[in-house]
C-alpha atoms as a PDB file:
ATOM      1  CA  UNK A   1      -7.851 -11.260  21.223  1.00  0.00           C
ATOM      2  CA  UNK A   2      -9.671  -8.347  22.186  1.00  0.00           C
ATOM      3  CA  UNK A   3     -12.532  -8.564  18.574  1.00  0.00           C
ATOM      4  CA  UNK A   4     -12.526 -12.254  18.333  1.00  0.00           C
ATOM      5  CA  UNK A   5     -13.713 -12.242  22.217  1.00  0.00           C
ATOM      6  CA  UNK A   6     -16.367  -9.557  21.475  1.00  0.00           C
ATOM      7  CA  UNK A   7     -17.969 -11.851  18.908  1.00  0.00           C
ATOM      8  CA  UNK A   8     -17.339 -14.941  19.714  1.00  0.00           C
ATOM      9  CA  UNK A   9     -18.943 -14.109  23.021  1.00  0.00           C
ATOM     10  CA  UNK A  10     -22.377 -12.838  22.269  1.00  0.00           C
ATOM     11  CA  UNK A  11     -22.731 -15.874  19.959  1.00  0.00           C
ATOM     12  CA  UNK A  12     -22.286 -18.398  22.945  1.00  0.00           C
ATOM     13  CA  UNK A  13     -24.597 -16.778  24.978  1.00  0.00           C
ATOM     14  CA  UNK A  14     -27.087 -16.244  21.750  1.00  0.00           C
ATOM     15  CA  UNK A  15     -27.214 -12.671  22.182  1.00  0.00           C
ATOM     16  CA  UNK A  16     -25.768 -11.693  18.678  1.00  0.00           C
ATOM     17  CA  UNK A  17     -29.512 -11.947  17.383  1.00  0.00           C
ATOM     18  CA  UNK A  18     -29.924  -8.267  19.442  1.00  0.00           C
ATOM     19  CA  UNK A  19     -27.313  -6.962  17.470  1.00  0.00           C
ATOM     20  CA  UNK A  20     -27.724  -8.237  14.082  1.00  0.00           C
ATOM     21  CA  UNK A  21     -31.334  -7.156  14.108  1.00  0.00           C
ATOM     22  CA  UNK A  22     -30.628  -3.318  15.228  1.00  0.00           C
ATOM     23  CA  UNK A  23     -31.418  -0.801  12.890  1.00  0.00           C
ATOM     24  CA  UNK A  24     -27.657  -0.488  11.616  1.00  0.00           C
ATOM     25  CA  UNK A  25     -26.286  -1.551   8.423  1.00  0.00           C
ATOM     26  CA  UNK A  26     -23.535  -4.217   8.544  1.00  0.00           C
ATOM     27  CA  UNK A  27     -20.751  -1.651   8.366  1.00  0.00           C
ATOM     28  CA  UNK A  28     -21.240   0.071  11.476  1.00  0.00           C
ATOM     29  CA  UNK A  29     -21.203  -3.122  13.533  1.00  0.00           C
ATOM     30  CA  UNK A  30     -17.869  -3.722  12.518  1.00  0.00           C
ATOM     31  CA  UNK A  31     -16.877  -0.592  13.020  1.00  0.00           C
ATOM     32  CA  UNK A  32     -18.483  -1.126  16.576  1.00  0.00           C
ATOM     33  CA  UNK A  33     -16.717  -4.138  17.306  1.00  0.00           C
ATOM     34  CA  UNK A  34     -13.258  -3.571  15.318  1.00  0.00           C
ATOM     35  CA  UNK A  35     -13.120   0.064  15.986  1.00  0.00           C
ATOM     36  CA  UNK A  36     -13.301  -0.504  20.083  1.00  0.00           C
ATOM     37  CA  UNK A  37     -10.669  -3.799  19.533  1.00  0.00           C
ATOM     38  CA  UNK A  38      -8.296  -1.673  17.364  1.00  0.00           C
ATOM     39  CA  UNK A  39      -8.195   1.156  19.409  1.00  0.00           C
ATOM     40  CA  UNK A  40      -7.944  -1.028  22.872  1.00  0.00           C
ATOM     41  CA  UNK A  41      -4.631  -2.063  20.657  1.00  0.00           C
ATOM     42  CA  UNK A  42      -3.109   1.752  19.885  1.00  0.00           C
ATOM     43  CA  UNK A  43      -3.980   2.662  23.052  1.00  0.00           C
ATOM     44  CA  UNK A  44      -2.104  -0.429  24.865  1.00  0.00           C
ATOM     45  CA  UNK A  45       0.706   0.513  21.670  1.00  0.00           C
ATOM     46  CA  UNK A  46       1.259   3.760  22.889  1.00  0.00           C
ATOM     47  CA  UNK A  47       1.477   3.328  25.959  1.00  0.00           C
ATOM     48  CA  UNK A  48       4.104   0.633  25.665  1.00  0.00           C
ATOM     49  CA  UNK A  49       5.893   3.153  23.295  1.00  0.00           C
ATOM     50  CA  UNK A  50       5.577   6.149  26.201  1.00  0.00           C
ATOM     51  CA  UNK A  51       6.619   3.917  29.198  1.00  0.00           C
ATOM     52  CA  UNK A  52       9.840   2.720  26.823  1.00  0.00           C
ATOM     53  CA  UNK A  53      10.980   6.294  27.051  1.00  0.00           C
ATOM     54  CA  UNK A  54      11.463   6.248  30.294  1.00  0.00           C
ATOM     55  CA  UNK A  55      14.007   3.397  30.006  1.00  0.00           C
ATOM     56  CA  UNK A  56      15.761   3.592  26.645  1.00  0.00           C
ATOM     57  CA  UNK A  57      15.792   6.742  24.228  1.00  0.00           C
ATOM     58  CA  UNK A  58      13.441   6.162  21.446  1.00  0.00           C
ATOM     59  CA  UNK A  59      14.063   7.822  18.163  1.00  0.00           C
ATOM     60  CA  UNK A  60      11.128   7.358  15.622  1.00  0.00           C
ATOM     61  CA  UNK A  61      13.092   8.448  11.668  1.00  0.00           C
ATOM     62  CA  UNK A  62       9.398   8.179  10.363  1.00  0.00           C
ATOM     63  CA  UNK A  63       6.462   8.868  13.379  1.00  0.00           C
ATOM     64  CA  UNK A  64       3.488   9.683  10.697  1.00  0.00           C
ATOM     65  CA  UNK A  65       4.872   6.152   8.766  1.00  0.00           C
ATOM     66  CA  UNK A  66       4.946   4.305  12.479  1.00  0.00           C
ATOM     67  CA  UNK A  67       1.369   5.817  13.480  1.00  0.00           C
ATOM     68  CA  UNK A  68       0.343   4.545   9.890  1.00  0.00           C
ATOM     69  CA  UNK A  69       1.485   1.198  10.268  1.00  0.00           C
ATOM     70  CA  UNK A  70       0.076   1.124  13.546  1.00  0.00           C
ATOM     71  CA  UNK A  71      -3.329   2.033  13.309  1.00  0.00           C
ATOM     72  CA  UNK A  72      -3.182  -0.354   9.829  1.00  0.00           C
ATOM     73  CA  UNK A  73      -1.625  -3.306  11.809  1.00  0.00           C
ATOM     74  CA  UNK A  74      -4.129  -2.900  14.688  1.00  0.00           C
ATOM     75  CA  UNK A  75      -7.272  -3.017  11.789  1.00  0.00           C
ATOM     76  CA  UNK A  76      -5.692  -5.293  10.357  1.00  0.00           C
ATOM     77  CA  UNK A  77      -5.417  -8.153  13.127  1.00  0.00           C
ATOM     78  CA  UNK A  78      -8.920  -6.919  14.961  1.00  0.00           C
ATOM     79  CA  UNK A  79     -10.633  -7.734  11.513  1.00  0.00           C
ATOM     80  CA  UNK A  80      -8.706 -11.081  11.571  1.00  0.00           C
ATOM     81  CA  UNK A  81      -9.862 -11.414  15.107  1.00  0.00           C
ATOM     82  CA  UNK A  82     -13.189 -10.726  14.145  1.00  0.00           C
ATOM     83  CA  UNK A  83     -13.258 -13.579  11.352  1.00  0.00           C
ATOM     84  CA  UNK A  84     -12.032 -15.937  13.711  1.00  0.00           C
ATOM     85  CA  UNK A  85     -14.981 -15.104  16.345  1.00  0.00           C
ATOM     86  CA  UNK A  86     -17.241 -16.002  13.602  1.00  0.00           C
ATOM     87  CA  UNK A  87     -15.305 -18.936  13.103  1.00  0.00           C
ATOM     88  CA  UNK A  88     -14.594 -20.913  16.460  1.00  0.00           C
ATOM     89  CA  UNK A  89     -17.283 -22.712  17.866  1.00  0.00           C
ATOM     90  CA  UNK A  90     -15.559 -23.566  20.686  1.00  0.00           C
ATOM     91  CA  UNK A  91     -13.342 -21.349  23.250  1.00  0.00           C
ATOM     92  CA  UNK A  92     -10.598 -24.135  21.912  1.00  0.00           C
ATOM     93  CA  UNK A  93     -11.053 -23.335  18.530  1.00  0.00           C
ATOM     94  CA  UNK A  94     -11.108 -19.494  19.644  1.00  0.00           C
ATOM     95  CA  UNK A  95      -7.409 -19.673  20.673  1.00  0.00           C
ATOM     96  CA  UNK A  96      -5.750 -22.261  19.157  1.00  0.00           C
ATOM     97  CA  UNK A  97      -4.826 -19.922  15.406  1.00  0.00           C
ATOM     98  CA  UNK A  98      -3.597 -17.400  17.668  1.00  0.00           C
ATOM     99  CA  UNK A  99      -1.435 -19.821  19.835  1.00  0.00           C
ATOM    100  CA  UNK A 100      -0.243 -22.118  16.890  1.00  0.00           C
ATOM    101  CA  UNK A 101      -0.259 -20.115  13.432  1.00  0.00           C
ATOM    102  CA  UNK A 102      -0.124 -16.639  14.298  1.00  0.00           C
ATOM    103  CA  UNK A 103       2.220 -16.790  17.174  1.00  0.00           C
ATOM    104  CA  UNK A 104       4.959 -18.649  15.324  1.00  0.00           C
ATOM    105  CA  UNK A 105       4.304 -16.377  12.584  1.00  0.00           C
ATOM    106  CA  UNK A 106       5.247 -13.478  14.174  1.00  0.00           C
ATOM    107  CA  UNK A 107       8.927 -15.139  16.041  1.00  0.00           C
ATOM    108  CA  UNK A 108       9.835 -16.630  12.318  1.00  0.00           C
ATOM    109  CA  UNK A 109       8.918 -13.152  11.011  1.00  0.00           C
ATOM    110  CA  UNK A 110      11.440 -11.085  11.408  1.00  0.00           C
ATOM    111  CA  UNK A 111      10.673  -9.829  15.000  1.00  0.00           C
ATOM    112  CA  UNK A 112      14.294 -10.483  16.470  1.00  0.00           C
ATOM    113  CA  UNK A 113      16.231 -10.769  13.887  1.00  0.00           C
ATOM    114  CA  UNK A 114      16.862  -9.740  10.310  1.00  0.00           C
ATOM    115  CA  UNK A 115      15.731 -11.944   7.662  1.00  0.00           C
ATOM    116  CA  UNK A 116      18.753 -11.197   5.464  1.00  0.00           C
ATOM    117  CA  UNK A 117      20.903 -13.169   8.006  1.00  0.00           C
ATOM    118  CA  UNK A 118      19.312 -16.156   6.665  1.00  0.00           C
ATOM    119  CA  UNK A 119      20.137 -18.430   4.060  1.00  0.00           C
ATOM    120  CA  UNK A 120      18.703 -17.505   0.616  1.00  0.00           C
ATOM    121  CA  UNK A 121      16.679 -20.348   0.623  1.00  0.00           C
ATOM    122  CA  UNK A 122      14.827 -19.293   4.189  1.00  0.00           C
ATOM    123  CA  UNK A 123      14.788 -15.717   3.132  1.00  0.00           C
ATOM    124  CA  UNK A 124      12.764 -16.630   0.281  1.00  0.00           C
ATOM    125  CA  UNK A 125      10.159 -18.829   2.743  1.00  0.00           C
ATOM    126  CA  UNK A 126      10.057 -15.679   5.009  1.00  0.00           C
ATOM    127  CA  UNK A 127       8.801 -13.902   2.480  1.00  0.00           C
ATOM    128  CA  UNK A 128       5.704 -15.443   2.064  1.00  0.00           C
ATOM    129  CA  UNK A 129       4.579 -14.946   5.527  1.00  0.00           C
ATOM    130  CA  UNK A 130       2.615 -11.960   5.875  1.00  0.00           C
ATOM    131  CA  UNK A 131       4.227 -10.618   9.494  1.00  0.00           C
ATOM    132  CA  UNK A 132       7.503 -10.179   7.831  1.00  0.00           C
ATOM    133  CA  UNK A 133       6.285  -7.017   6.178  1.00  0.00           C
ATOM    134  CA  UNK A 134       4.191  -5.131   9.248  1.00  0.00           C
ATOM    135  CA  UNK A 135       7.592  -5.602  10.871  1.00  0.00           C
ATOM    136  CA  UNK A 136       9.711  -4.266   8.079  1.00  0.00           C
ATOM    137  CA  UNK A 137       7.436  -1.553   7.870  1.00  0.00           C
ATOM    138  CA  UNK A 138       7.990  -0.706  11.508  1.00  0.00           C
ATOM    139  CA  UNK A 139      11.761  -1.507  11.738  1.00  0.00           C
ATOM    140  CA  UNK A 140      12.075   0.856   8.489  1.00  0.00           C
ATOM    141  CA  UNK A 141       9.834   4.496  10.595  1.00  0.00           C
ATOM    142  CA  UNK A 142      12.087   3.701  13.452  1.00  0.00           C
ATOM    143  CA  UNK A 143      15.862   3.018  11.710  1.00  0.00           C
ATOM    144  CA  UNK A 144      15.223   3.650   8.146  1.00  0.00           C
ATOM    145  CA  UNK A 145      16.066   0.038   7.885  1.00  0.00           C
ATOM    146  CA  UNK A 146      13.696  -2.575   6.203  1.00  0.00           C
ATOM    147  CA  UNK A 147      14.287  -6.109   4.711  1.00  0.00           C
ATOM    148  CA  UNK A 148      11.474  -5.481   1.992  1.00  0.00           C
ATOM    149  CA  UNK A 149      10.602  -2.044   0.713  1.00  0.00           C
ATOM    150  CA  UNK A 150       8.064   0.303   2.605  1.00  0.00           C
ATOM    151  CA  UNK A 151       5.892   0.477  -0.307  1.00  0.00           C
ATOM    152  CA  UNK A 152       5.744  -3.387  -0.251  1.00  0.00           C
ATOM    153  CA  UNK A 153       5.543  -3.185   2.911  1.00  0.00           C
ATOM    154  CA  UNK A 154       2.182  -0.793   3.267  1.00  0.00           C
ATOM    155  CA  UNK A 155       0.729  -2.675   0.015  1.00  0.00           C
ATOM    156  CA  UNK A 156       1.082  -5.928   1.833  1.00  0.00           C
ATOM    157  CA  UNK A 157      -0.576  -4.736   4.883  1.00  0.00           C
ATOM    158  CA  UNK A 158      -3.332  -2.653   3.250  1.00  0.00           C
ATOM    159  CA  UNK A 159      -3.841  -6.265   1.145  1.00  0.00           C
ATOM    160  CA  UNK A 160      -4.266  -7.904   4.060  1.00  0.00           C
ATOM    161  CA  UNK A 161      -7.254  -5.528   5.608  1.00  0.00           C
ATOM    162  CA  UNK A 162      -8.776  -5.405   2.687  1.00  0.00           C
ATOM    163  CA  UNK A 163      -9.116  -9.523   2.162  1.00  0.00           C
ATOM    164  CA  UNK A 164     -10.288  -9.557   5.843  1.00  0.00           C
ATOM    165  CA  UNK A 165     -12.571  -6.686   4.617  1.00  0.00           C
ATOM    166  CA  UNK A 166     -14.076  -8.816   2.281  1.00  0.00           C
ATOM    167  CA  UNK A 167     -14.272 -12.003   4.282  1.00  0.00           C
ATOM    168  CA  UNK A 168     -16.172 -10.277   7.142  1.00  0.00           C
ATOM    169  CA  UNK A 169     -18.692  -8.747   4.333  1.00  0.00           C
ATOM    170  CA  UNK A 170     -18.827 -11.709   3.365  1.00  0.00           C
ATOM    171  CA  UNK A 171     -19.401 -13.455   6.443  1.00  0.00           C
ATOM    172  CA  UNK A 172     -22.570 -10.137   7.127  1.00  0.00           C
ATOM    173  CA  UNK A 173     -24.007 -11.140   3.374  1.00  0.00           C
ATOM    174  CA  UNK A 174     -24.059 -14.148   3.775  1.00  0.00           C
ATOM    175  CA  UNK A 175     -25.194 -15.358   7.986  1.00  0.00           C
ATOM    176  CA  UNK A 176     -22.318 -17.402   8.014  1.00  0.00           C
ATOM    177  CA  UNK A 177     -22.340 -18.723  11.768  1.00  0.00           C
ATOM    178  CA  UNK A 178     -24.287 -15.520  13.006  1.00  0.00           C
ATOM    179  CA  UNK A 179     -27.819 -16.363  11.951  1.00  0.00           C
ATOM    180  CA  UNK A 180     -27.572 -20.516  13.320  1.00  0.00           C
END
């Protein structure tokens, strides 16, 4: 939500033209918006992790993999939020995708259960949910137990990030909803 509000609000107030007329490339603008939002996400995740350690003992089997998934997931969702912020032409549109799409995908993505507990048909359907791969990668980094292989989780997360980057590049190249 942070990155979507960050780009939507300048569009809403008409100040996005000042950003677009600055002598910086689209990549530098993107690093500013998405980098700030992703940094905030990583900091919040780290604070939650440290705070949880005060109440329960948390052992991370693969800290480097956990940090990799944390950063990849944060950047991917911040890129997606940036796309939503550009796409939305009203406050309602800005909140409808997180509420009606992302939240259900999160709850149905194996966040609170392993998808191996589901009947075979629903396991197959669950594999179409991109959140399954994010959750599975995080679960493996903590417990060395996952619904799908960590390589597939990493690949799907990276693919989502690349798709979002390509969409953002197209947005800046065409000026979709930025220059009108």
